Amino acid sequence: MAMTRLILYTKHLDRMVAFYTAHFGYFVHSHPDADDRMTELRPDGDGVILLLHPAGKAQKQGQVQVKLVFDVEDVDAARNSLIAAGVDVGPVHRADGYGFANMKDPSGNAVQISGRAAWDRGMTDAG
């Protein structure tokens, strides 16, 4: 059994689609229809499918109960690219030989870019 999909509830559907397609290589696979209210975003290659579901009026946005982590080979370069594209990214932190940086998506969900996977593979420059 493997996790292949993650549902994110949002009040900012268009901004969420733009964020994940512009910065993390996702593409829109399907838009909502009468039977299914979710917009499906698929990665270009392997990875978790994101299902964007309209949030209810009472749902709070950006609760830090889940953090989406995107593996990158070079955290500093990825961070600089995101900042150049207008994304507010926090500083690079170093832990046990790899780097990571945090940000929020347009709905306030915690997102991280991490060099941990590269470090796990024994690469010397993992951000």
N, C-alpha and C. Protein backbone atom coordinates (compact mmCIF):
# COMPACT_ATOMS: atom_id res chain seq x y z
N MET A 1 0.85 -1.17 0.00
CA MET A 1 0.00 0.00 0.00
C MET A 1 0.89 1.23 0.00
N ALA A 2 0.56 2.20 -0.82
CA ALA A 2 1.35 3.42 -0.91
C ALA A 2 0.43 4.63 -0.99
N MET A 3 0.87 5.75 -0.42
CA MET A 3 0.11 6.98 -0.55
C MET A 3 0.41 7.56 -1.93
N THR A 4 -0.63 7.79 -2.71
CA THR A 4 -0.44 8.30 -4.06
C THR A 4 -1.16 9.63 -4.29
N ARG A 5 -2.07 9.99 -3.39
CA ARG A 5 -2.85 11.21 -3.54
C ARG A 5 -2.96 11.93 -2.20
N LEU A 6 -3.02 13.26 -2.28
CA LEU A 6 -3.19 14.08 -1.09
C LEU A 6 -4.24 15.13 -1.41
N ILE A 7 -5.28 15.21 -0.59
CA ILE A 7 -6.32 16.22 -0.77
C ILE A 7 -5.95 17.45 0.04
N LEU A 8 -5.93 18.60 -0.62
CA LEU A 8 -5.72 19.89 0.05
C LEU A 8 -7.00 20.70 -0.10
N TYR A 9 -7.54 21.14 1.02
CA TYR A 9 -8.74 21.99 0.99
C TYR A 9 -8.30 23.43 0.83
N THR A 10 -8.99 24.16 -0.04
CA THR A 10 -8.56 25.52 -0.33
C THR A 10 -9.73 26.45 -0.61
N LYS A 11 -9.53 27.69 -0.25
CA LYS A 11 -10.46 28.77 -0.61
C LYS A 11 -9.86 29.61 -1.73
N HIS A 12 -8.69 29.19 -2.24
CA HIS A 12 -7.95 29.94 -3.25
C HIS A 12 -7.55 29.02 -4.41
N LEU A 13 -8.51 28.39 -5.04
CA LEU A 13 -8.23 27.37 -6.04
C LEU A 13 -7.31 27.86 -7.15
N ASP A 14 -7.62 28.99 -7.76
CA ASP A 14 -6.80 29.48 -8.88
C ASP A 14 -5.36 29.77 -8.44
N ARG A 15 -5.20 30.37 -7.26
CA ARG A 15 -3.85 30.66 -6.76
C ARG A 15 -3.08 29.38 -6.43
N MET A 16 -3.79 28.39 -5.91
CA MET A 16 -3.15 27.11 -5.60
C MET A 16 -2.68 26.40 -6.88
N VAL A 17 -3.54 26.39 -7.90
CA VAL A 17 -3.16 25.78 -9.18
C VAL A 17 -1.92 26.49 -9.72
N ALA A 18 -1.93 27.81 -9.72
CA ALA A 18 -0.79 28.58 -10.24
C ALA A 18 0.48 28.29 -9.44
N PHE A 19 0.38 28.20 -8.13
CA PHE A 19 1.54 27.96 -7.26
C PHE A 19 2.19 26.62 -7.57
N TYR A 20 1.41 25.55 -7.58
CA TYR A 20 1.98 24.21 -7.76
C TYR A 20 2.38 23.94 -9.21
N THR A 21 1.72 24.55 -10.17
CA THR A 21 2.13 24.34 -11.57
C THR A 21 3.36 25.18 -11.90
N ALA A 22 3.44 26.40 -11.41
CA ALA A 22 4.56 27.28 -11.74
C ALA A 22 5.85 26.91 -11.02
N HIS A 23 5.73 26.45 -9.78
CA HIS A 23 6.93 26.29 -8.96
C HIS A 23 7.34 24.85 -8.67
N PHE A 24 6.45 23.89 -8.85
CA PHE A 24 6.76 22.52 -8.46
C PHE A 24 6.50 21.49 -9.54
N GLY A 25 6.32 21.93 -10.78
CA GLY A 25 6.24 21.01 -11.91
C GLY A 25 4.97 20.21 -12.05
N TYR A 26 3.89 20.65 -11.41
CA TYR A 26 2.62 19.96 -11.56
C TYR A 26 1.88 20.48 -12.79
N PHE A 27 0.96 19.68 -13.31
CA PHE A 27 0.09 20.12 -14.38
C PHE A 27 -1.34 19.74 -14.03
N VAL A 28 -2.29 20.49 -14.58
CA VAL A 28 -3.70 20.22 -14.32
C VAL A 28 -4.12 19.01 -15.14
N HIS A 29 -4.53 17.97 -14.46
CA HIS A 29 -4.99 16.75 -15.12
C HIS A 29 -6.50 16.80 -15.35
N SER A 30 -7.23 17.34 -14.38
CA SER A 30 -8.69 17.46 -14.54
C SER A 30 -9.21 18.61 -13.69
N HIS A 31 -10.28 19.21 -14.19
CA HIS A 31 -10.97 20.28 -13.48
C HIS A 31 -12.25 19.71 -12.86
N PRO A 32 -12.83 20.40 -11.91
CA PRO A 32 -14.06 19.92 -11.30
C PRO A 32 -15.19 19.81 -12.32
N ASP A 33 -16.08 18.86 -12.07
CA ASP A 33 -17.30 18.76 -12.87
C ASP A 33 -18.46 18.56 -11.90
N ALA A 34 -19.62 18.27 -12.43
CA ALA A 34 -20.82 18.16 -11.59
C ALA A 34 -20.71 17.03 -10.57
N ASP A 35 -19.95 16.00 -10.89
CA ASP A 35 -19.85 14.84 -9.99
C ASP A 35 -18.65 14.88 -9.06
N ASP A 36 -17.63 15.63 -9.41
CA ASP A 36 -16.39 15.63 -8.64
C ASP A 36 -15.91 17.07 -8.51
N ARG A 37 -15.85 17.57 -7.28
CA ARG A 37 -15.53 18.98 -7.06
C ARG A 37 -14.03 19.25 -7.03
N MET A 38 -13.20 18.22 -7.21
CA MET A 38 -11.76 18.40 -7.06
C MET A 38 -11.05 18.71 -8.37
N THR A 39 -10.02 19.55 -8.26
CA THR A 39 -9.09 19.77 -9.36
C THR A 39 -7.89 18.87 -9.10
N GLU A 40 -7.53 18.06 -10.09
CA GLU A 40 -6.44 17.11 -9.92
C GLU A 40 -5.18 17.66 -10.57
N LEU A 41 -4.12 17.75 -9.77
CA LEU A 41 -2.81 18.17 -10.26
C LEU A 41 -1.88 16.96 -10.21
N ARG A 42 -1.21 16.70 -11.32
CA ARG A 42 -0.28 15.57 -11.38
C ARG A 42 1.14 16.08 -11.56
N PRO A 43 2.09 15.38 -10.95
CA PRO A 43 3.48 15.77 -11.12
C PRO A 43 3.99 15.36 -12.49
N ASP A 44 5.00 16.06 -12.95
CA ASP A 44 5.67 15.67 -14.19
C ASP A 44 6.69 14.61 -13.82
N GLY A 45 6.26 13.36 -13.82
CA GLY A 45 7.11 12.25 -13.37
C GLY A 45 6.50 11.61 -12.14
N ASP A 46 7.33 10.98 -11.34
CA ASP A 46 6.85 10.33 -10.12
C ASP A 46 6.52 11.36 -9.06
N GLY A 47 5.62 11.00 -8.19
CA GLY A 47 5.28 11.87 -7.08
C GLY A 47 3.82 11.75 -6.71
N VAL A 48 3.44 12.43 -5.67
CA VAL A 48 2.09 12.39 -5.13
C VAL A 48 1.18 13.29 -5.96
N ILE A 49 0.00 12.80 -6.29
CA ILE A 49 -1.03 13.58 -6.99
C ILE A 49 -1.70 14.48 -5.95
N LEU A 50 -1.87 15.75 -6.30
CA LEU A 50 -2.55 16.70 -5.42
C LEU A 50 -3.99 16.88 -5.90
N LEU A 51 -4.92 16.72 -4.99
CA LEU A 51 -6.33 16.95 -5.28
C LEU A 51 -6.75 18.19 -4.52
N LEU A 52 -7.11 19.24 -5.24
CA LEU A 52 -7.51 20.50 -4.61
C LEU A 52 -9.03 20.51 -4.49
N HIS A 53 -9.51 20.60 -3.26
CA HIS A 53 -10.94 20.52 -2.98
C HIS A 53 -11.39 21.85 -2.38
N PRO A 54 -12.49 22.41 -2.85
CA PRO A 54 -12.98 23.66 -2.26
C PRO A 54 -13.23 23.50 -0.76
N ALA A 55 -12.69 24.41 0.03
CA ALA A 55 -12.87 24.38 1.48
C ALA A 55 -14.25 24.91 1.84
N GLY A 56 -14.82 24.34 2.86
CA GLY A 56 -16.09 24.83 3.37
C GLY A 56 -15.89 26.15 4.11
N LYS A 57 -16.97 26.88 4.29
CA LYS A 57 -16.88 28.19 4.94
C LYS A 57 -16.27 28.12 6.33
N ALA A 58 -16.54 27.06 7.05
CA ALA A 58 -16.06 26.96 8.43
C ALA A 58 -14.64 26.38 8.52
N GLN A 59 -14.11 25.86 7.42
CA GLN A 59 -12.77 25.26 7.47
C GLN A 59 -11.70 26.34 7.57
N LYS A 60 -10.78 26.15 8.51
CA LYS A 60 -9.66 27.06 8.66
C LYS A 60 -8.59 26.67 7.65
N GLN A 61 -7.92 27.66 7.12
CA GLN A 61 -6.85 27.42 6.15
C GLN A 61 -5.50 27.44 6.85
N GLY A 62 -4.56 26.65 6.33
CA GLY A 62 -3.18 26.71 6.76
C GLY A 62 -2.89 26.13 8.13
N GLN A 63 -3.67 25.17 8.57
CA GLN A 63 -3.36 24.51 9.83
C GLN A 63 -2.11 23.66 9.63
N VAL A 64 -1.14 23.80 10.49
CA VAL A 64 0.12 23.10 10.33
C VAL A 64 -0.01 21.68 10.88
N GLN A 65 -0.79 20.87 10.18
CA GLN A 65 -0.93 19.47 10.53
C GLN A 65 -0.29 18.61 9.45
N VAL A 66 -0.04 19.20 8.31
CA VAL A 66 0.60 18.51 7.20
C VAL A 66 1.63 19.47 6.60
N LYS A 67 2.77 18.93 6.20
CA LYS A 67 3.75 19.73 5.49
C LYS A 67 4.10 18.97 4.22
N LEU A 68 4.00 19.65 3.09
CA LEU A 68 4.37 19.05 1.81
C LEU A 68 5.86 19.27 1.62
N VAL A 69 6.62 18.21 1.37
CA VAL A 69 8.06 18.30 1.21
C VAL A 69 8.43 17.93 -0.22
N PHE A 70 9.16 18.83 -0.88
CA PHE A 70 9.62 18.62 -2.24
C PHE A 70 11.13 18.44 -2.21
N ASP A 71 11.59 17.30 -2.74
CA ASP A 71 13.02 17.02 -2.80
C ASP A 71 13.67 17.83 -3.90
N VAL A 72 14.80 18.44 -3.58
CA VAL A 72 15.59 19.19 -4.56
C VAL A 72 17.05 18.79 -4.38
N GLU A 73 17.80 18.89 -5.45
CA GLU A 73 19.23 18.57 -5.38
C GLU A 73 20.02 19.67 -4.69
N ASP A 74 19.63 20.93 -4.92
CA ASP A 74 20.35 22.08 -4.39
C ASP A 74 19.35 23.04 -3.77
N VAL A 75 19.26 23.03 -2.45
CA VAL A 75 18.27 23.83 -1.73
C VAL A 75 18.49 25.32 -1.97
N ASP A 76 19.74 25.76 -1.93
CA ASP A 76 20.02 27.19 -2.12
C ASP A 76 19.57 27.66 -3.51
N ALA A 77 19.87 26.89 -4.53
CA ALA A 77 19.48 27.26 -5.90
C ALA A 77 17.96 27.24 -6.05
N ALA A 78 17.30 26.22 -5.49
CA ALA A 78 15.84 26.14 -5.58
C ALA A 78 15.19 27.31 -4.84
N ARG A 79 15.73 27.64 -3.67
CA ARG A 79 15.21 28.77 -2.90
C ARG A 79 15.36 30.07 -3.68
N ASN A 80 16.54 30.28 -4.25
CA ASN A 80 16.77 31.51 -5.02
C ASN A 80 15.82 31.61 -6.20
N SER A 81 15.56 30.49 -6.86
CA SER A 81 14.64 30.47 -7.99
C SER A 81 13.21 30.81 -7.55
N LEU A 82 12.78 30.25 -6.42
CA LEU A 82 11.44 30.55 -5.90
C LEU A 82 11.32 32.02 -5.51
N ILE A 83 12.34 32.55 -4.84
CA ILE A 83 12.32 33.95 -4.44
C ILE A 83 12.27 34.85 -5.67
N ALA A 84 13.04 34.51 -6.70
CA ALA A 84 13.03 35.30 -7.94
C ALA A 84 11.66 35.29 -8.60
N ALA A 85 10.90 34.22 -8.36
CA ALA A 85 9.55 34.11 -8.92
C ALA A 85 8.49 34.73 -8.02
N GLY A 86 8.92 35.34 -6.91
CA GLY A 86 7.98 36.04 -6.04
C GLY A 86 7.44 35.25 -4.87
N VAL A 87 7.98 34.07 -4.61
CA VAL A 87 7.53 33.26 -3.48
C VAL A 87 8.30 33.67 -2.23
N ASP A 88 7.60 33.84 -1.13
CA ASP A 88 8.22 34.19 0.14
C ASP A 88 8.74 32.90 0.80
N VAL A 89 10.05 32.71 0.74
CA VAL A 89 10.68 31.50 1.27
C VAL A 89 11.56 31.89 2.45
N GLY A 90 11.48 31.11 3.51
CA GLY A 90 12.30 31.36 4.68
C GLY A 90 13.76 31.00 4.44
N PRO A 91 14.60 31.22 5.44
CA PRO A 91 16.03 30.94 5.29
C PRO A 91 16.30 29.43 5.17
N VAL A 92 17.46 29.12 4.64
CA VAL A 92 17.89 27.72 4.58
C VAL A 92 18.41 27.33 5.95
N HIS A 93 17.91 26.22 6.46
CA HIS A 93 18.36 25.65 7.72
C HIS A 93 19.21 24.43 7.40
N ARG A 94 20.18 24.15 8.23
CA ARG A 94 21.06 22.98 8.04
C ARG A 94 20.81 22.00 9.17
N ALA A 95 20.69 20.71 8.81
CA ALA A 95 20.47 19.67 9.81
C ALA A 95 21.09 18.37 9.33
N ASP A 96 22.00 17.84 10.11
CA ASP A 96 22.58 16.52 9.83
C ASP A 96 23.09 16.37 8.41
N GLY A 97 23.68 17.42 7.84
CA GLY A 97 24.29 17.30 6.53
C GLY A 97 23.44 17.68 5.34
N TYR A 98 22.22 18.09 5.56
CA TYR A 98 21.37 18.53 4.45
C TYR A 98 20.69 19.84 4.82
N GLY A 99 20.19 20.54 3.81
CA GLY A 99 19.51 21.81 4.04
C GLY A 99 18.03 21.72 3.70
N PHE A 100 17.27 22.66 4.24
CA PHE A 100 15.85 22.76 3.92
C PHE A 100 15.39 24.19 4.15
N ALA A 101 14.32 24.56 3.47
CA ALA A 101 13.72 25.88 3.64
C ALA A 101 12.20 25.75 3.58
N ASN A 102 11.53 26.60 4.32
CA ASN A 102 10.08 26.51 4.45
C ASN A 102 9.37 27.71 3.83
N MET A 103 8.12 27.47 3.45
CA MET A 103 7.25 28.50 2.91
C MET A 103 5.81 28.09 3.12
N LYS A 104 4.88 28.92 2.69
CA LYS A 104 3.45 28.60 2.73
C LYS A 104 2.90 28.69 1.31
N ASP A 105 1.93 27.83 1.00
CA ASP A 105 1.25 27.95 -0.29
C ASP A 105 0.14 29.00 -0.15
N PRO A 106 -0.58 29.33 -1.23
CA PRO A 106 -1.59 30.38 -1.14
C PRO A 106 -2.72 30.11 -0.14
N SER A 107 -2.92 28.87 0.28
CA SER A 107 -3.93 28.56 1.29
C SER A 107 -3.34 28.45 2.69
N GLY A 108 -2.05 28.75 2.82
CA GLY A 108 -1.41 28.74 4.13
C GLY A 108 -0.87 27.39 4.56
N ASN A 109 -0.86 26.40 3.67
CA ASN A 109 -0.30 25.09 4.01
C ASN A 109 1.22 25.17 4.06
N ALA A 110 1.81 24.44 4.98
CA ALA A 110 3.26 24.41 5.11
C ALA A 110 3.87 23.61 3.96
N VAL A 111 4.89 24.19 3.33
CA VAL A 111 5.60 23.57 2.21
C VAL A 111 7.09 23.69 2.50
N GLN A 112 7.84 22.65 2.15
CA GLN A 112 9.28 22.67 2.37
C GLN A 112 10.01 22.16 1.13
N ILE A 113 11.15 22.78 0.85
CA ILE A 113 12.09 22.21 -0.12
C ILE A 113 13.22 21.62 0.71
N SER A 114 13.66 20.43 0.35
CA SER A 114 14.60 19.71 1.19
C SER A 114 15.66 19.00 0.38
N GLY A 115 16.88 19.02 0.88
CA GLY A 115 17.97 18.27 0.28
C GLY A 115 18.18 16.92 0.94
N ARG A 116 17.27 16.51 1.78
CA ARG A 116 17.44 15.25 2.52
C ARG A 116 17.54 14.04 1.61
N ALA A 117 16.73 13.96 0.56
CA ALA A 117 16.77 12.79 -0.33
C ALA A 117 18.13 12.70 -1.02
N ALA A 118 18.68 13.84 -1.45
CA ALA A 118 20.00 13.83 -2.07
C ALA A 118 21.05 13.41 -1.05
N TRP A 119 20.93 13.89 0.16
CA TRP A 119 21.84 13.51 1.25
C TRP A 119 21.73 12.02 1.54
N ASP A 120 20.48 11.48 1.56
CA ASP A 120 20.27 10.05 1.78
C ASP A 120 20.97 9.20 0.71
N ARG A 121 21.03 9.71 -0.51
CA ARG A 121 21.68 8.98 -1.62
C ARG A 121 23.21 9.13 -1.58
N GLY A 122 23.71 9.89 -0.59
CA GLY A 122 25.14 10.03 -0.44
C GLY A 122 25.76 11.15 -1.26
N MET A 123 24.91 12.06 -1.74
CA MET A 123 25.45 13.19 -2.49
C MET A 123 26.12 14.15 -1.52
N THR A 124 27.19 14.76 -1.94
CA THR A 124 27.93 15.65 -1.05
C THR A 124 27.30 17.03 -0.95
N ASP A 125 26.65 17.55 -2.01
CA ASP A 125 26.06 18.87 -1.98
C ASP A 125 24.55 18.73 -1.95
N ALA A 126 23.99 18.61 -0.75
CA ALA A 126 22.56 18.46 -0.59
C ALA A 126 21.94 19.73 -0.03
N GLY A 127 22.51 20.85 -0.43
CA GLY A 127 21.93 22.12 -0.03
C GLY A 127 22.37 22.54 1.31
